[in-house]
């Protein structure tokens, strides 16, 4: 899965950086040439946006697995209920588990 994700992110990076440059036409002397720079800037911003969304998704998956593993290893009476909550609700269940079980136990 990581190979596919890195391949997709690399393709997005290449397309957003070089596609506007490849489609640029030579400018006559009387035209403003700053439009090409605007396309490059927009491509860079889009690339940063995509990379940050990807990084947030990876962090959310890691956090989800961390909470699931913690729930499976912890000894308490509602373990099965919390496992179902984490698995069925995804990151929302992991966040709920973190604040309602793990953090409360850590504060003791």
PDB file of N, CA and C in Angstrom:
ATOM      1  N   UNK A   1       0.825  -1.190   0.000  1.00  0.00           N
ATOM      2  CA  UNK A   1       0.000   0.000   0.000  1.00  0.00           C
ATOM      3  C   UNK A   1       0.868   1.252   0.000  1.00  0.00           C
ATOM      4  N   UNK A   2       1.975   1.218   0.728  1.00  0.00           N
ATOM      5  CA  UNK A   2       2.852   2.375   0.799  1.00  0.00           C
ATOM      6  C   UNK A   2       3.479   2.658  -0.552  1.00  0.00           C
ATOM      7  N   UNK A   3       3.806   1.608  -1.316  1.00  0.00           N
ATOM      8  CA  UNK A   3       4.374   1.818  -2.643  1.00  0.00           C
ATOM      9  C   UNK A   3       3.373   2.501  -3.560  1.00  0.00           C
ATOM     10  N   UNK A   4       2.104   2.094  -3.462  1.00  0.00           N
ATOM     11  CA  UNK A   4       1.075   2.701  -4.298  1.00  0.00           C
ATOM     12  C   UNK A   4       0.860   4.160  -3.907  1.00  0.00           C
ATOM     13  N   UNK A   5       0.845   4.445  -2.615  1.00  0.00           N
ATOM     14  CA  UNK A   5       0.643   5.803  -2.151  1.00  0.00           C
ATOM     15  C   UNK A   5       1.789   6.702  -2.587  1.00  0.00           C
ATOM     16  N   UNK A   6       3.021   6.222  -2.460  1.00  0.00           N
ATOM     17  CA  UNK A   6       4.157   7.046  -2.877  1.00  0.00           C
ATOM     18  C   UNK A   6       4.172   7.230  -4.392  1.00  0.00           C
ATOM     19  N   UNK A   7       3.741   6.232  -5.139  1.00  0.00           N
ATOM     20  CA  UNK A   7       3.681   6.374  -6.596  1.00  0.00           C
ATOM     21  C   UNK A   7       2.633   7.404  -7.000  1.00  0.00           C
ATOM     22  N   UNK A   8       1.488   7.383  -6.356  1.00  0.00           N
ATOM     23  CA  UNK A   8       0.434   8.350  -6.663  1.00  0.00           C
ATOM     24  C   UNK A   8       0.878   9.753  -6.290  1.00  0.00           C
ATOM     25  N   UNK A   9       1.483   9.909  -5.118  1.00  0.00           N
ATOM     26  CA  UNK A   9       1.947  11.225  -4.701  1.00  0.00           C
ATOM     27  C   UNK A   9       3.050  11.747  -5.621  1.00  0.00           C
ATOM     28  N   UNK A  10       3.930  10.869  -6.082  1.00  0.00           N
ATOM     29  CA  UNK A  10       4.975  11.281  -7.017  1.00  0.00           C
ATOM     30  C   UNK A  10       4.376  11.735  -8.342  1.00  0.00           C
ATOM     31  N   UNK A  11       3.374  11.011  -8.826  1.00  0.00           N
ATOM     32  CA  UNK A  11       2.711  11.391 -10.070  1.00  0.00           C
ATOM     33  C   UNK A  11       2.020  12.745  -9.936  1.00  0.00           C
ATOM     34  N   UNK A  12       1.344  12.959  -8.820  1.00  0.00           N
ATOM     35  CA  UNK A  12       0.686  14.248  -8.584  1.00  0.00           C
ATOM     36  C   UNK A  12       1.720  15.365  -8.532  1.00  0.00           C
ATOM     37  N   UNK A  13       2.831  15.122  -7.872  1.00  0.00           N
ATOM     38  CA  UNK A  13       3.892  16.125  -7.795  1.00  0.00           C
ATOM     39  C   UNK A  13       4.432  16.469  -9.175  1.00  0.00           C
ATOM     40  N   UNK A  14       4.700  15.462  -9.976  1.00  0.00           N
ATOM     41  CA  UNK A  14       5.231  15.690 -11.324  1.00  0.00           C
ATOM     42  C   UNK A  14       4.225  16.445 -12.184  1.00  0.00           C
ATOM     43  N   UNK A  15       2.968  16.019 -12.123  1.00  0.00           N
ATOM     44  CA  UNK A  15       1.947  16.670 -12.944  1.00  0.00           C
ATOM     45  C   UNK A  15       1.718  18.113 -12.539  1.00  0.00           C
ATOM     46  N   UNK A  16       1.673  18.389 -11.246  1.00  0.00           N
ATOM     47  CA  UNK A  16       1.385  19.756 -10.814  1.00  0.00           C
ATOM     48  C   UNK A  16       2.564  20.690 -11.038  1.00  0.00           C
ATOM     49  N   UNK A  17       3.765  20.152 -11.041  1.00  0.00           N
ATOM     50  CA  UNK A  17       4.920  21.020 -11.240  1.00  0.00           C
ATOM     51  C   UNK A  17       5.244  21.244 -12.715  1.00  0.00           C
ATOM     52  N   UNK A  18       5.170  20.204 -13.524  1.00  0.00           N
ATOM     53  CA  UNK A  18       5.687  20.293 -14.879  1.00  0.00           C
ATOM     54  C   UNK A  18       4.632  20.412 -15.966  1.00  0.00           C
ATOM     55  N   UNK A  19       3.386  20.032 -15.678  1.00  0.00           N
ATOM     56  CA  UNK A  19       2.355  20.147 -16.702  1.00  0.00           C
ATOM     57  C   UNK A  19       2.096  21.600 -17.115  1.00  0.00           C
ATOM     58  N   UNK A  20       2.015  22.538 -16.171  1.00  0.00           N
ATOM     59  CA  UNK A  20       1.837  23.930 -16.615  1.00  0.00           C
ATOM     60  C   UNK A  20       3.024  24.442 -17.432  1.00  0.00           C
ATOM     61  N   UNK A  21       4.219  23.989 -17.117  1.00  0.00           N
ATOM     62  CA  UNK A  21       5.387  24.429 -17.878  1.00  0.00           C
ATOM     63  C   UNK A  21       5.399  23.825 -19.277  1.00  0.00           C
ATOM     64  N   UNK A  22       4.954  22.583 -19.404  1.00  0.00           N
ATOM     65  CA  UNK A  22       4.958  21.919 -20.705  1.00  0.00           C
ATOM     66  C   UNK A  22       3.920  22.528 -21.644  1.00  0.00           C
ATOM     67  N   UNK A  23       2.836  23.035 -21.094  1.00  0.00           N
ATOM     68  CA  UNK A  23       1.791  23.592 -21.947  1.00  0.00           C
ATOM     69  C   UNK A  23       1.976  25.082 -22.201  1.00  0.00           C
ATOM     70  N   UNK A  24       3.007  25.687 -21.646  1.00  0.00           N
ATOM     71  CA  UNK A  24       3.229  27.125 -21.838  1.00  0.00           C
ATOM     72  C   UNK A  24       3.655  27.411 -23.274  1.00  0.00           C
ATOM     73  N   UNK A  25       3.085  28.447 -23.829  1.00  0.00           N
ATOM     74  CA  UNK A  25       3.422  28.899 -25.179  1.00  0.00           C
ATOM     75  C   UNK A  25       4.456  30.015 -25.080  1.00  0.00           C
ATOM     76  N   UNK A  26       5.315  30.136 -26.066  1.00  0.00           N
ATOM     77  CA  UNK A  26       6.246  31.269 -26.045  1.00  0.00           C
ATOM     78  C   UNK A  26       5.472  32.582 -26.116  1.00  0.00           C
ATOM     79  N   UNK A  27       5.891  33.558 -25.335  1.00  0.00           N
ATOM     80  CA  UNK A  27       5.193  34.837 -25.266  1.00  0.00           C
ATOM     81  C   UNK A  27       5.803  35.841 -26.236  1.00  0.00           C
ATOM     82  N   UNK A  28       4.935  36.597 -26.895  1.00  0.00           N
ATOM     83  CA  UNK A  28       5.476  37.736 -27.662  1.00  0.00           C
ATOM     84  C   UNK A  28       6.043  38.781 -26.696  1.00  0.00           C
ATOM     85  N   UNK A  29       6.819  39.682 -27.202  1.00  0.00           N
ATOM     86  CA  UNK A  29       7.494  40.664 -26.356  1.00  0.00           C
ATOM     87  C   UNK A  29       6.542  41.605 -25.626  1.00  0.00           C
ATOM     88  N   UNK A  30       5.349  41.820 -26.172  1.00  0.00           N
ATOM     89  CA  UNK A  30       4.451  42.803 -25.564  1.00  0.00           C
ATOM     90  C   UNK A  30       3.501  42.203 -24.524  1.00  0.00           C
ATOM     91  N   UNK A  31       3.592  40.910 -24.233  1.00  0.00           N
ATOM     92  CA  UNK A  31       2.709  40.282 -23.257  1.00  0.00           C
ATOM     93  C   UNK A  31       3.405  40.148 -21.905  1.00  0.00           C
ATOM     94  N   UNK A  32       2.578  40.112 -20.859  1.00  0.00           N
ATOM     95  CA  UNK A  32       3.098  39.935 -19.503  1.00  0.00           C
ATOM     96  C   UNK A  32       3.460  38.473 -19.293  1.00  0.00           C
ATOM     97  N   UNK A  33       4.673  38.197 -18.910  1.00  0.00           N
ATOM     98  CA  UNK A  33       5.127  36.815 -18.765  1.00  0.00           C
ATOM     99  C   UNK A  33       4.984  36.297 -17.341  1.00  0.00           C
ATOM    100  N   UNK A  34       4.378  37.054 -16.454  1.00  0.00           N
ATOM    101  CA  UNK A  34       4.237  36.597 -15.065  1.00  0.00           C
ATOM    102  C   UNK A  34       3.151  35.553 -14.912  1.00  0.00           C
ATOM    103  N   UNK A  35       2.313  35.338 -15.916  1.00  0.00           N
ATOM    104  CA  UNK A  35       1.248  34.335 -15.814  1.00  0.00           C
ATOM    105  C   UNK A  35       1.820  32.936 -15.670  1.00  0.00           C
ATOM    106  N   UNK A  36       2.939  32.653 -16.325  1.00  0.00           N
ATOM    107  CA  UNK A  36       3.560  31.335 -16.183  1.00  0.00           C
ATOM    108  C   UNK A  36       4.032  31.086 -14.769  1.00  0.00           C
ATOM    109  N   UNK A  37       4.548  32.119 -14.117  1.00  0.00           N
ATOM    110  CA  UNK A  37       4.961  31.994 -12.727  1.00  0.00           C
ATOM    111  C   UNK A  37       3.782  31.751 -11.809  1.00  0.00           C
ATOM    112  N   UNK A  38       2.636  32.337 -12.153  1.00  0.00           N
ATOM    113  CA  UNK A  38       1.431  32.112 -11.353  1.00  0.00           C
ATOM    114  C   UNK A  38       0.992  30.656 -11.444  1.00  0.00           C
ATOM    115  N   UNK A  39       1.102  30.063 -12.637  1.00  0.00           N
ATOM    116  CA  UNK A  39       0.755  28.650 -12.785  1.00  0.00           C
ATOM    117  C   UNK A  39       1.694  27.772 -11.974  1.00  0.00           C
ATOM    118  N   UNK A  40       2.975  28.109 -11.977  1.00  0.00           N
ATOM    119  CA  UNK A  40       3.936  27.330 -11.217  1.00  0.00           C
ATOM    120  C   UNK A  40       3.651  27.449  -9.727  1.00  0.00           C
ATOM    121  N   UNK A  41       3.329  28.659  -9.271  1.00  0.00           N
ATOM    122  CA  UNK A  41       2.988  28.850  -7.866  1.00  0.00           C
ATOM    123  C   UNK A  41       1.738  28.084  -7.472  1.00  0.00           C
ATOM    124  N   UNK A  42       0.734  28.088  -8.351  1.00  0.00           N
ATOM    125  CA  UNK A  42      -0.494  27.336  -8.078  1.00  0.00           C
ATOM    126  C   UNK A  42      -0.203  25.845  -8.029  1.00  0.00           C
ATOM    127  N   UNK A  43       0.678  25.384  -8.901  1.00  0.00           N
ATOM    128  CA  UNK A  43       1.051  23.968  -8.878  1.00  0.00           C
ATOM    129  C   UNK A  43       1.767  23.589  -7.606  1.00  0.00           C
ATOM    130  N   UNK A  44       2.630  24.460  -7.135  1.00  0.00           N
ATOM    131  CA  UNK A  44       3.336  24.188  -5.883  1.00  0.00           C
ATOM    132  C   UNK A  44       2.387  24.174  -4.689  1.00  0.00           C
ATOM    133  N   UNK A  45       1.448  25.136  -4.682  1.00  0.00           N
ATOM    134  CA  UNK A  45       0.470  25.160  -3.596  1.00  0.00           C
ATOM    135  C   UNK A  45      -0.405  23.916  -3.605  1.00  0.00           C
ATOM    136  N   UNK A  46      -0.833  23.504  -4.785  1.00  0.00           N
ATOM    137  CA  UNK A  46      -1.641  22.298  -4.882  1.00  0.00           C
ATOM    138  C   UNK A  46      -0.859  21.075  -4.421  1.00  0.00           C
ATOM    139  N   UNK A  47       0.416  21.003  -4.790  1.00  0.00           N
ATOM    140  CA  UNK A  47       1.262  19.886  -4.371  1.00  0.00           C
ATOM    141  C   UNK A  47       1.410  19.857  -2.856  1.00  0.00           C
ATOM    142  N   UNK A  48       1.644  21.014  -2.263  1.00  0.00           N
ATOM    143  CA  UNK A  48       1.752  21.072  -0.801  1.00  0.00           C
ATOM    144  C   UNK A  48       0.446  20.662  -0.129  1.00  0.00           C
ATOM    145  N   UNK A  49      -0.677  21.075  -0.713  1.00  0.00           N
ATOM    146  CA  UNK A  49      -1.983  20.699  -0.176  1.00  0.00           C
ATOM    147  C   UNK A  49      -2.177  19.192  -0.224  1.00  0.00           C
ATOM    148  N   UNK A  50      -1.862  18.583  -1.359  1.00  0.00           N
ATOM    149  CA  UNK A  50      -2.024  17.130  -1.511  1.00  0.00           C
ATOM    150  C   UNK A  50      -1.098  16.382  -0.557  1.00  0.00           C
ATOM    151  N   UNK A  51       0.137  16.840  -0.443  1.00  0.00           N
ATOM    152  CA  UNK A  51       1.082  16.178   0.457  1.00  0.00           C
ATOM    153  C   UNK A  51       0.659  16.311   1.915  1.00  0.00           C
ATOM    154  N   UNK A  52       0.114  17.473   2.300  1.00  0.00           N
ATOM    155  CA  UNK A  52      -0.319  17.605   3.689  1.00  0.00           C
ATOM    156  C   UNK A  52      -1.556  16.764   3.976  1.00  0.00           C
ATOM    157  N   UNK A  53      -2.458  16.645   3.027  1.00  0.00           N
ATOM    158  CA  UNK A  53      -3.617  15.759   3.219  1.00  0.00           C
ATOM    159  C   UNK A  53      -3.139  14.312   3.336  1.00  0.00           C
ATOM    160  N   UNK A  54      -2.182  13.922   2.507  1.00  0.00           N
ATOM    161  CA  UNK A  54      -1.627  12.569   2.592  1.00  0.00           C
ATOM    162  C   UNK A  54      -0.944  12.318   3.921  1.00  0.00           C
ATOM    163  N   UNK A  55      -0.197  13.299   4.417  1.00  0.00           N
ATOM    164  CA  UNK A  55       0.475  13.143   5.712  1.00  0.00           C
ATOM    165  C   UNK A  55      -0.547  13.028   6.843  1.00  0.00           C
ATOM    166  N   UNK A  56      -1.613  13.826   6.779  1.00  0.00           N
ATOM    167  CA  UNK A  56      -2.656  13.720   7.793  1.00  0.00           C
ATOM    168  C   UNK A  56      -3.346  12.359   7.748  1.00  0.00           C
ATOM    169  N   UNK A  57      -3.560  11.839   6.562  1.00  0.00           N
ATOM    170  CA  UNK A  57      -4.189  10.521   6.437  1.00  0.00           C
ATOM    171  C   UNK A  57      -3.299   9.436   7.027  1.00  0.00           C
ATOM    172  N   UNK A  58      -2.003   9.511   6.768  1.00  0.00           N
ATOM    173  CA  UNK A  58      -1.073   8.517   7.329  1.00  0.00           C
ATOM    174  C   UNK A  58      -1.048   8.620   8.846  1.00  0.00           C
ATOM    175  N   UNK A  59      -1.014   9.838   9.379  1.00  0.00           N
ATOM    176  CA  UNK A  59      -1.031  10.019  10.833  1.00  0.00           C
ATOM    177  C   UNK A  59      -2.328   9.494  11.448  1.00  0.00           C
ATOM    178  N   UNK A  60      -3.445   9.706  10.780  1.00  0.00           N
ATOM    179  CA  UNK A  60      -4.725   9.206  11.287  1.00  0.00           C
ATOM    180  C   UNK A  60      -4.745   7.680  11.315  1.00  0.00           C
ATOM    181  N   UNK A  61      -4.202   7.041  10.300  1.00  0.00           N
ATOM    182  CA  UNK A  61      -4.152   5.573  10.267  1.00  0.00           C
ATOM    183  C   UNK A  61      -3.241   5.036  11.358  1.00  0.00           C
ATOM    184  N   UNK A  62      -2.095   5.679  11.542  1.00  0.00           N
ATOM    185  CA  UNK A  62      -1.171   5.255  12.608  1.00  0.00           C
ATOM    186  C   UNK A  62      -1.834   5.413  13.965  1.00  0.00           C
ATOM    187  N   UNK A  63      -2.500   6.543  14.202  1.00  0.00           N
ATOM    188  CA  UNK A  63      -3.201   6.771  15.472  1.00  0.00           C
ATOM    189  C   UNK A  63      -4.293   5.732  15.686  1.00  0.00           C
ATOM    190  N   UNK A  64      -5.029   5.405  14.632  1.00  0.00           N
ATOM    191  CA  UNK A  64      -6.101   4.416  14.729  1.00  0.00           C
ATOM    192  C   UNK A  64      -5.542   3.055  15.146  1.00  0.00           C
ATOM    193  N   UNK A  65      -4.453   2.621  14.484  1.00  0.00           N
ATOM    194  CA  UNK A  65      -3.835   1.349  14.848  1.00  0.00           C
ATOM    195  C   UNK A  65      -3.297   1.380  16.269  1.00  0.00           C
ATOM    196  N   UNK A  66      -2.716   2.497  16.685  1.00  0.00           N
ATOM    197  CA  UNK A  66      -2.170   2.629  18.033  1.00  0.00           C
ATOM    198  C   UNK A  66      -3.276   2.464  19.074  1.00  0.00           C
ATOM    199  N   UNK A  67      -4.439   3.101  18.849  1.00  0.00           N
ATOM    200  CA  UNK A  67      -5.546   2.992  19.799  1.00  0.00           C
ATOM    201  C   UNK A  67      -6.146   1.586  19.788  1.00  0.00           C
ATOM    202  N   UNK A  68      -6.225   0.963  18.621  1.00  0.00           N
ATOM    203  CA  UNK A  68      -6.750  -0.396  18.545  1.00  0.00           C
ATOM    204  C   UNK A  68      -5.842  -1.374  19.281  1.00  0.00           C
ATOM    205  N   UNK A  69      -4.548  -1.267  19.080  1.00  0.00           N
ATOM    206  CA  UNK A  69      -3.596  -2.145  19.765  1.00  0.00           C
ATOM    207  C   UNK A  69      -3.635  -1.896  21.269  1.00  0.00           C
ATOM    208  N   UNK A  70      -3.716  -0.629  21.676  1.00  0.00           N
ATOM    209  CA  UNK A  70      -3.811  -0.316  23.103  1.00  0.00           C
ATOM    210  C   UNK A  70      -5.071  -0.929  23.702  1.00  0.00           C
ATOM    211  N   UNK A  71      -6.169  -0.839  22.988  1.00  0.00           N
ATOM    212  CA  UNK A  71      -7.434  -1.399  23.483  1.00  0.00           C
ATOM    213  C   UNK A  71      -7.347  -2.918  23.619  1.00  0.00           C
ATOM    214  N   UNK A  72      -6.715  -3.571  22.651  1.00  0.00           N
ATOM    215  CA  UNK A  72      -6.601  -5.027  22.712  1.00  0.00           C
ATOM    216  C   UNK A  72      -5.671  -5.493  23.830  1.00  0.00           C
ATOM    217  N   UNK A  73      -4.685  -4.699  24.171  1.00  0.00           N
ATOM    218  CA  UNK A  73      -3.725  -5.086  25.207  1.00  0.00           C
ATOM    219  C   UNK A  73      -4.178  -4.695  26.605  1.00  0.00           C
ATOM    220  N   UNK A  74      -5.036  -3.733  26.724  1.00  0.00           N
ATOM    221  CA  UNK A  74      -5.480  -3.237  28.034  1.00  0.00           C
ATOM    222  C   UNK A  74      -6.516  -4.183  28.639  1.00  0.00           C
ATOM    223  N   UNK A  75      -6.449  -4.342  29.943  1.00  0.00           N
ATOM    224  CA  UNK A  75      -7.422  -5.185  30.662  1.00  0.00           C
ATOM    225  C   UNK A  75      -8.486  -4.299  31.317  1.00  0.00           C
ATOM    226  N   UNK A  76      -9.705  -4.352  30.803  1.00  0.00           N
ATOM    227  CA  UNK A  76     -10.846  -3.663  31.388  1.00  0.00           C
ATOM    228  C   UNK A  76     -12.108  -4.357  30.914  1.00  0.00           C
ATOM    229  N   UNK A  77     -13.238  -4.072  31.561  1.00  0.00           N
ATOM    230  CA  UNK A  77     -14.443  -4.871  31.331  1.00  0.00           C
ATOM    231  C   UNK A  77     -15.153  -4.582  30.013  1.00  0.00           C
ATOM    232  N   UNK A  78     -15.043  -3.396  29.450  1.00  0.00           N
ATOM    233  CA  UNK A  78     -15.736  -3.052  28.204  1.00  0.00           C
ATOM    234  C   UNK A  78     -14.838  -3.192  26.983  1.00  0.00           C
ATOM    235  N   UNK A  79     -13.895  -4.098  27.024  1.00  0.00           N
ATOM    236  CA  UNK A  79     -12.917  -4.228  25.943  1.00  0.00           C
ATOM    237  C   UNK A  79     -13.577  -4.529  24.599  1.00  0.00           C
ATOM    238  N   UNK A  80     -14.483  -5.491  24.559  1.00  0.00           N
ATOM    239  CA  UNK A  80     -15.120  -5.888  23.299  1.00  0.00           C
ATOM    240  C   UNK A  80     -15.935  -4.736  22.703  1.00  0.00           C
ATOM    241  N   UNK A  81     -16.621  -3.992  23.549  1.00  0.00           N
ATOM    242  CA  UNK A  81     -17.407  -2.853  23.078  1.00  0.00           C
ATOM    243  C   UNK A  81     -16.492  -1.806  22.445  1.00  0.00           C
ATOM    244  N   UNK A  82     -15.378  -1.502  23.103  1.00  0.00           N
ATOM    245  CA  UNK A  82     -14.459  -0.495  22.573  1.00  0.00           C
ATOM    246  C   UNK A  82     -13.778  -0.967  21.298  1.00  0.00           C
ATOM    247  N   UNK A  83     -13.484  -2.245  21.191  1.00  0.00           N
ATOM    248  CA  UNK A  83     -12.906  -2.761  19.946  1.00  0.00           C
ATOM    249  C   UNK A  83     -13.885  -2.543  18.800  1.00  0.00           C
ATOM    250  N   UNK A  84     -15.158  -2.858  19.012  1.00  0.00           N
ATOM    251  CA  UNK A  84     -16.163  -2.632  17.971  1.00  0.00           C
ATOM    252  C   UNK A  84     -16.314  -1.143  17.655  1.00  0.00           C
ATOM    253  N   UNK A  85     -16.288  -0.298  18.675  1.00  0.00           N
ATOM    254  CA  UNK A  85     -16.411   1.146  18.445  1.00  0.00           C
ATOM    255  C   UNK A  85     -15.248   1.651  17.595  1.00  0.00           C
ATOM    256  N   UNK A  86     -14.029   1.230  17.937  1.00  0.00           N
ATOM    257  CA  UNK A  86     -12.849   1.694  17.194  1.00  0.00           C
ATOM    258  C   UNK A  86     -12.872   1.169  15.762  1.00  0.00           C
ATOM    259  N   UNK A  87     -13.203  -0.099  15.592  1.00  0.00           N
ATOM    260  CA  UNK A  87     -13.178  -0.700  14.254  1.00  0.00           C
ATOM    261  C   UNK A  87     -14.298  -0.136  13.373  1.00  0.00           C
ATOM    262  N   UNK A  88     -15.492   0.012  13.908  1.00  0.00           N
ATOM    263  CA  UNK A  88     -16.630   0.411  13.084  1.00  0.00           C
ATOM    264  C   UNK A  88     -16.718   1.913  12.833  1.00  0.00           C
ATOM    265  N   UNK A  89     -16.165   2.724  13.726  1.00  0.00           N
ATOM    266  CA  UNK A  89     -16.280   4.168  13.533  1.00  0.00           C
ATOM    267  C   UNK A  89     -14.978   4.816  13.083  1.00  0.00           C
ATOM    268  N   UNK A  90     -13.920   4.038  12.977  1.00  0.00           N
ATOM    269  CA  UNK A  90     -12.664   4.557  12.441  1.00  0.00           C
ATOM    270  C   UNK A  90     -11.977   5.542  13.362  1.00  0.00           C
ATOM    271  N   UNK A  91     -11.544   6.639  12.790  1.00  0.00           N
ATOM    272  CA  UNK A  91     -10.756   7.618  13.538  1.00  0.00           C
ATOM    273  C   UNK A  91     -11.576   8.283  14.639  1.00  0.00           C
ATOM    274  N   UNK A  92     -12.880   8.436  14.430  1.00  0.00           N
ATOM    275  CA  UNK A  92     -13.740   9.034  15.463  1.00  0.00           C
ATOM    276  C   UNK A  92     -13.751   8.146  16.703  1.00  0.00           C
ATOM    277  N   UNK A  93     -13.887   6.844  16.508  1.00  0.00           N
ATOM    278  CA  UNK A  93     -13.857   5.916  17.631  1.00  0.00           C
ATOM    279  C   UNK A  93     -12.507   5.894  18.321  1.00  0.00           C
ATOM    280  N   UNK A  94     -11.439   6.010  17.558  1.00  0.00           N
ATOM    281  CA  UNK A  94     -10.100   6.041  18.149  1.00  0.00           C
ATOM    282  C   UNK A  94      -9.908   7.295  18.996  1.00  0.00           C
ATOM    283  N   UNK A  95     -10.414   8.433  18.514  1.00  0.00           N
ATOM    284  CA  UNK A  95     -10.317   9.676  19.293  1.00  0.00           C
ATOM    285  C   UNK A  95     -11.151   9.572  20.569  1.00  0.00           C
ATOM    286  N   UNK A  96     -12.361   9.022  20.454  1.00  0.00           N
ATOM    287  CA  UNK A  96     -13.193   8.823  21.651  1.00  0.00           C
ATOM    288  C   UNK A  96     -12.492   7.909  22.652  1.00  0.00           C
ATOM    289  N   UNK A  97     -11.923   6.816  22.172  1.00  0.00           N
ATOM    290  CA  UNK A  97     -11.209   5.891  23.053  1.00  0.00           C
ATOM    291  C   UNK A  97     -10.040   6.600  23.735  1.00  0.00           C
ATOM    292  N   UNK A  98      -9.306   7.412  22.991  1.00  0.00           N
ATOM    293  CA  UNK A  98      -8.157   8.111  23.554  1.00  0.00           C
ATOM    294  C   UNK A  98      -8.577   9.006  24.723  1.00  0.00           C
ATOM    295  N   UNK A  99      -9.640   9.797  24.529  1.00  0.00           N
ATOM    296  CA  UNK A  99     -10.040  10.735  25.571  1.00  0.00           C
ATOM    297  C   UNK A  99     -10.834  10.091  26.700  1.00  0.00           C
ATOM    298  N   UNK A 100     -11.622   9.055  26.404  1.00  0.00           N
ATOM    299  CA  UNK A 100     -12.485   8.474  27.436  1.00  0.00           C
ATOM    300  C   UNK A 100     -11.838   7.321  28.200  1.00  0.00           C
ATOM    301  N   UNK A 101     -10.859   6.639  27.622  1.00  0.00           N
ATOM    302  CA  UNK A 101     -10.261   5.486  28.296  1.00  0.00           C
ATOM    303  C   UNK A 101      -8.769   5.708  28.535  1.00  0.00           C
ATOM    304  N   UNK A 102      -8.021   5.874  27.493  1.00  0.00           N
ATOM    305  CA  UNK A 102      -6.556   5.933  27.615  1.00  0.00           C
ATOM    306  C   UNK A 102      -6.092   7.139  28.415  1.00  0.00           C
ATOM    307  N   UNK A 103      -6.586   8.316  28.099  1.00  0.00           N
ATOM    308  CA  UNK A 103      -6.155   9.517  28.796  1.00  0.00           C
ATOM    309  C   UNK A 103      -6.616   9.517  30.243  1.00  0.00           C
ATOM    310  N   UNK A 104      -7.838   9.029  30.490  1.00  0.00           N
ATOM    311  CA  UNK A 104      -8.359   8.970  31.854  1.00  0.00           C
ATOM    312  C   UNK A 104      -7.522   8.003  32.696  1.00  0.00           C
ATOM    313  N   UNK A 105      -7.123   6.886  32.109  1.00  0.00           N
ATOM    314  CA  UNK A 105      -6.295   5.913  32.816  1.00  0.00           C
ATOM    315  C   UNK A 105      -4.891   6.449  33.039  1.00  0.00           C
ATOM    316  N   UNK A 106      -4.404   7.234  32.101  1.00  0.00           N
ATOM    317  CA  UNK A 106      -3.050   7.800  32.204  1.00  0.00           C
ATOM    318  C   UNK A 106      -2.988   8.865  33.310  1.00  0.00           C
ATOM    319  N   UNK A 107      -4.109   9.553  33.579  1.00  0.00           N
ATOM    320  CA  UNK A 107      -4.140  10.619  34.582  1.00  0.00           C
ATOM    321  C   UNK A 107      -4.165  10.070  36.010  1.00  0.00           C
ATOM    322  N   UNK A 108      -4.483   8.803  36.186  1.00  0.00           N
ATOM    323  CA  UNK A 108      -4.560   8.216  37.542  1.00  0.00           C
ATOM    324  C   UNK A 108      -3.218   8.095  38.188  1.00  0.00           C
TER     325      UNK A 108
END
